[in-house]
Amino acid sequence: MLLAATLAGALAGSVLHVTMPRPVTAPPPGPVLETVTPAQVAAMNLRLEPIVQPVQLPDWLTSMGARPPSTILMRPDAEAAVRRYSTGVQLVLEATLTYATLSAPAGGPRSRGSSILHRLVWAVVGTRTLTGTVAGVMQMLWLVDAHTGRQLTELPVPAALPATAVGSAAGR
């Protein structure tokens, strides 16, 4: 009887091992953000490193109070932090968990500005209403600490150069 139970357990384990999908252990290829180009990220003195994204549970599970065991905030919490700490947020386009390094502005060690060194953050991209802009809306990038939910910085996304302007500038 014990031998049959052992064989059944081994058979069930090997079938599950073969049929179950492998966990994602590598970050997705490509740029970290879809709505902000790598050139725009570099223009903000920012470096973002891709990491494996947390699993988002279905709404019916979260409505019953289920949350994955984790010490980091989930995407809806990061979006809520941006809306809570920044006025005029119109639309959140994307939010990605990443390691960020933000260099202080040029000007030497005494220059004022924020520095973030290899910190786990939610990079939240969205639009914000601003007075004094042509359309009244500006694309922004917010960095929210993934552990505390505190907004670390808010950066305006520089305008992207059209492909023809980049090509003509490179030929000079």
Protein backbone atom coordinates (compact mmCIF):
# COMPACT_ATOMS: atom_id res chain seq x y z
CA MET A 1 0.00 0.00 0.00
CA LEU A 2 2.80 2.42 0.88
CA LEU A 3 4.62 1.54 -2.33
CA ALA A 4 1.50 2.30 -4.42
CA ALA A 5 1.06 5.69 -2.70
CA THR A 6 4.72 6.53 -3.31
CA LEU A 7 4.50 5.60 -6.98
CA ALA A 8 1.25 7.57 -7.41
CA GLY A 9 2.86 10.62 -5.78
CA ALA A 10 5.96 10.35 -7.96
CA LEU A 11 3.83 9.96 -11.10
CA ALA A 12 1.62 12.94 -10.17
CA GLY A 13 4.68 15.06 -9.40
CA SER A 14 6.36 14.26 -12.72
CA VAL A 15 3.14 14.96 -14.67
CA LEU A 16 2.74 18.32 -12.91
CA HIS A 17 6.41 19.15 -13.50
CA VAL A 18 6.01 18.55 -17.23
CA THR A 19 2.62 20.24 -17.71
CA MET A 20 2.92 23.31 -15.48
CA PRO A 21 4.41 26.47 -17.02
CA ARG A 22 7.81 27.55 -15.83
CA PRO A 23 7.93 30.63 -13.61
CA VAL A 24 9.19 33.80 -15.22
CA THR A 25 12.69 34.41 -13.93
CA ALA A 26 14.06 36.81 -16.54
CA PRO A 27 12.93 40.37 -17.19
CA PRO A 28 11.12 41.01 -20.46
CA PRO A 29 13.33 42.05 -23.40
CA GLY A 30 13.20 45.53 -24.86
CA PRO A 31 12.85 48.98 -23.31
CA VAL A 32 11.54 49.27 -19.76
CA LEU A 33 8.81 51.77 -20.65
CA GLU A 34 6.59 51.57 -23.71
CA THR A 35 5.43 55.21 -23.81
CA VAL A 36 8.81 56.86 -23.11
CA THR A 37 11.75 56.20 -25.43
CA PRO A 38 15.20 55.29 -24.10
CA ALA A 39 16.50 58.62 -25.47
CA GLN A 40 13.90 60.53 -23.43
CA VAL A 41 14.82 58.52 -20.31
CA ALA A 42 18.51 59.33 -20.85
CA ALA A 43 17.70 63.03 -21.32
CA MET A 44 16.20 63.04 -17.81
CA ASN A 45 19.51 61.70 -16.34
CA LEU A 46 17.63 58.53 -15.48
CA ARG A 47 18.58 54.88 -15.85
CA LEU A 48 15.89 52.20 -15.58
CA GLU A 49 16.72 48.50 -15.32
CA PRO A 50 14.13 45.90 -16.34
CA ILE A 51 13.02 43.37 -13.73
CA VAL A 52 10.40 40.65 -13.47
CA GLN A 53 6.96 42.21 -12.97
CA PRO A 54 4.75 41.14 -10.05
CA VAL A 55 1.69 39.02 -10.73
CA GLN A 56 -1.56 40.95 -10.78
CA LEU A 57 -4.42 38.96 -9.27
CA PRO A 58 -7.84 39.02 -10.92
CA ASP A 59 -10.31 41.61 -9.63
CA TRP A 60 -12.67 38.99 -8.23
CA LEU A 61 -9.89 37.71 -5.95
CA THR A 62 -8.75 41.14 -4.78
CA SER A 63 -12.37 42.16 -4.09
CA MET A 64 -12.51 39.24 -1.63
CA GLY A 65 -9.40 40.60 0.12
CA ALA A 66 -6.79 38.27 -1.37
CA ARG A 67 -3.33 39.77 -1.89
CA PRO A 68 -0.10 38.03 -2.86
CA PRO A 69 2.43 37.77 -0.04
CA SER A 70 4.81 40.58 -0.80
CA THR A 71 6.69 43.45 0.76
CA ILE A 72 6.22 45.66 -2.31
CA LEU A 73 3.23 47.68 -3.37
CA MET A 74 1.22 46.58 -6.35
CA ARG A 75 0.51 48.68 -9.45
CA PRO A 76 -2.88 50.07 -8.27
CA ASP A 77 -1.22 51.27 -5.04
CA ALA A 78 1.52 53.08 -7.00
CA GLU A 79 -1.05 54.75 -9.25
CA ALA A 80 -3.06 55.81 -6.20
CA ALA A 81 0.09 57.33 -4.64
CA VAL A 82 0.68 59.42 -7.77
CA ARG A 83 -2.90 60.67 -7.76
CA ARG A 84 -2.71 61.41 -4.01
CA TYR A 85 0.59 63.35 -4.03
CA SER A 86 0.35 65.12 -7.41
CA THR A 87 -2.37 67.54 -8.39
CA GLY A 88 -3.82 67.63 -11.87
CA VAL A 89 -3.09 64.01 -12.84
CA GLN A 90 -5.39 63.29 -15.78
CA LEU A 91 -4.38 59.88 -17.05
CA VAL A 92 -1.98 57.12 -16.05
CA LEU A 93 -0.59 55.51 -19.21
CA GLU A 94 1.63 52.82 -17.70
CA ALA A 95 3.31 51.71 -14.50
CA THR A 96 6.35 49.43 -14.42
CA LEU A 97 8.33 48.05 -11.52
CA THR A 98 12.01 48.77 -12.10
CA TYR A 99 15.31 49.62 -10.49
CA ALA A 100 16.00 53.32 -11.03
CA THR A 101 19.09 55.46 -10.78
CA LEU A 102 18.54 59.20 -11.09
CA SER A 103 21.62 61.37 -11.34
CA ALA A 104 21.67 64.80 -9.74
CA PRO A 105 21.71 67.70 -12.18
CA ALA A 106 25.08 68.70 -13.64
CA GLY A 107 26.92 71.35 -11.71
CA GLY A 108 29.10 69.54 -9.27
CA PRO A 109 28.60 68.01 -5.85
CA ARG A 110 27.03 71.18 -4.42
CA SER A 111 24.27 71.38 -7.01
CA ARG A 112 20.76 70.92 -5.68
CA GLY A 113 18.54 68.16 -6.93
CA SER A 114 17.47 64.68 -6.12
CA SER A 115 19.59 61.58 -6.53
CA ILE A 116 18.23 58.06 -6.45
CA LEU A 117 20.73 55.22 -6.48
CA HIS A 118 19.57 51.80 -7.68
CA ARG A 119 16.25 51.84 -5.87
CA LEU A 120 13.24 49.61 -6.45
CA VAL A 121 10.51 51.93 -7.71
CA TRP A 122 7.35 52.04 -9.73
CA ALA A 123 7.94 54.18 -12.82
CA VAL A 124 4.51 55.68 -13.50
CA VAL A 125 3.95 57.53 -16.78
CA GLY A 126 0.93 59.73 -17.27
CA THR A 127 -0.39 63.14 -18.18
CA ARG A 128 -0.94 66.15 -15.99
CA THR A 129 -2.76 69.40 -16.58
CA LEU A 130 -0.49 72.41 -16.59
CA THR A 131 -1.14 76.06 -17.16
CA GLY A 132 1.13 77.74 -19.65
CA THR A 133 1.49 74.80 -22.04
CA VAL A 134 0.07 74.79 -25.55
CA ALA A 135 -2.34 71.90 -25.04
CA GLY A 136 -2.63 72.35 -21.27
CA VAL A 137 -1.35 68.80 -20.75
CA MET A 138 2.19 67.51 -20.19
CA GLN A 139 3.54 63.98 -20.09
CA MET A 140 5.14 63.19 -16.72
CA LEU A 141 7.15 60.39 -15.16
CA TRP A 142 6.74 59.76 -11.45
CA LEU A 143 9.00 57.49 -9.39
CA VAL A 144 7.21 55.90 -6.43
CA ASP A 145 9.10 53.88 -3.81
CA ALA A 146 7.97 50.27 -4.20
CA HIS A 147 8.15 49.55 -0.47
CA THR A 148 6.69 52.65 1.18
CA GLY A 149 4.49 54.13 -1.56
CA ARG A 150 6.13 57.52 -1.14
CA GLN A 151 6.50 59.56 -4.31
CA LEU A 152 10.22 60.17 -4.75
CA THR A 153 10.27 62.50 -7.72
CA GLU A 154 8.24 63.89 -10.57
CA LEU A 155 9.92 64.48 -13.93
CA PRO A 156 8.54 66.12 -17.06
CA VAL A 157 9.13 63.87 -20.07
CA PRO A 158 11.05 65.79 -22.76
CA ALA A 159 9.49 65.91 -26.21
CA ALA A 160 10.65 63.12 -28.52
CA LEU A 161 12.49 64.14 -31.66
CA PRO A 162 10.88 62.91 -34.87
CA ALA A 163 12.82 60.19 -36.71
CA THR A 164 13.71 62.59 -39.55
CA ALA A 165 15.18 65.16 -37.13
CA VAL A 166 17.26 62.46 -35.43
CA GLY A 167 18.59 61.24 -38.76
CA SER A 168 19.50 64.74 -39.99
CA ALA A 169 21.14 65.62 -36.65
CA ALA A 170 23.25 62.46 -36.78
CA GLY A 171 24.45 63.31 -40.30
CA ARG A 172 25.92 66.68 -39.25
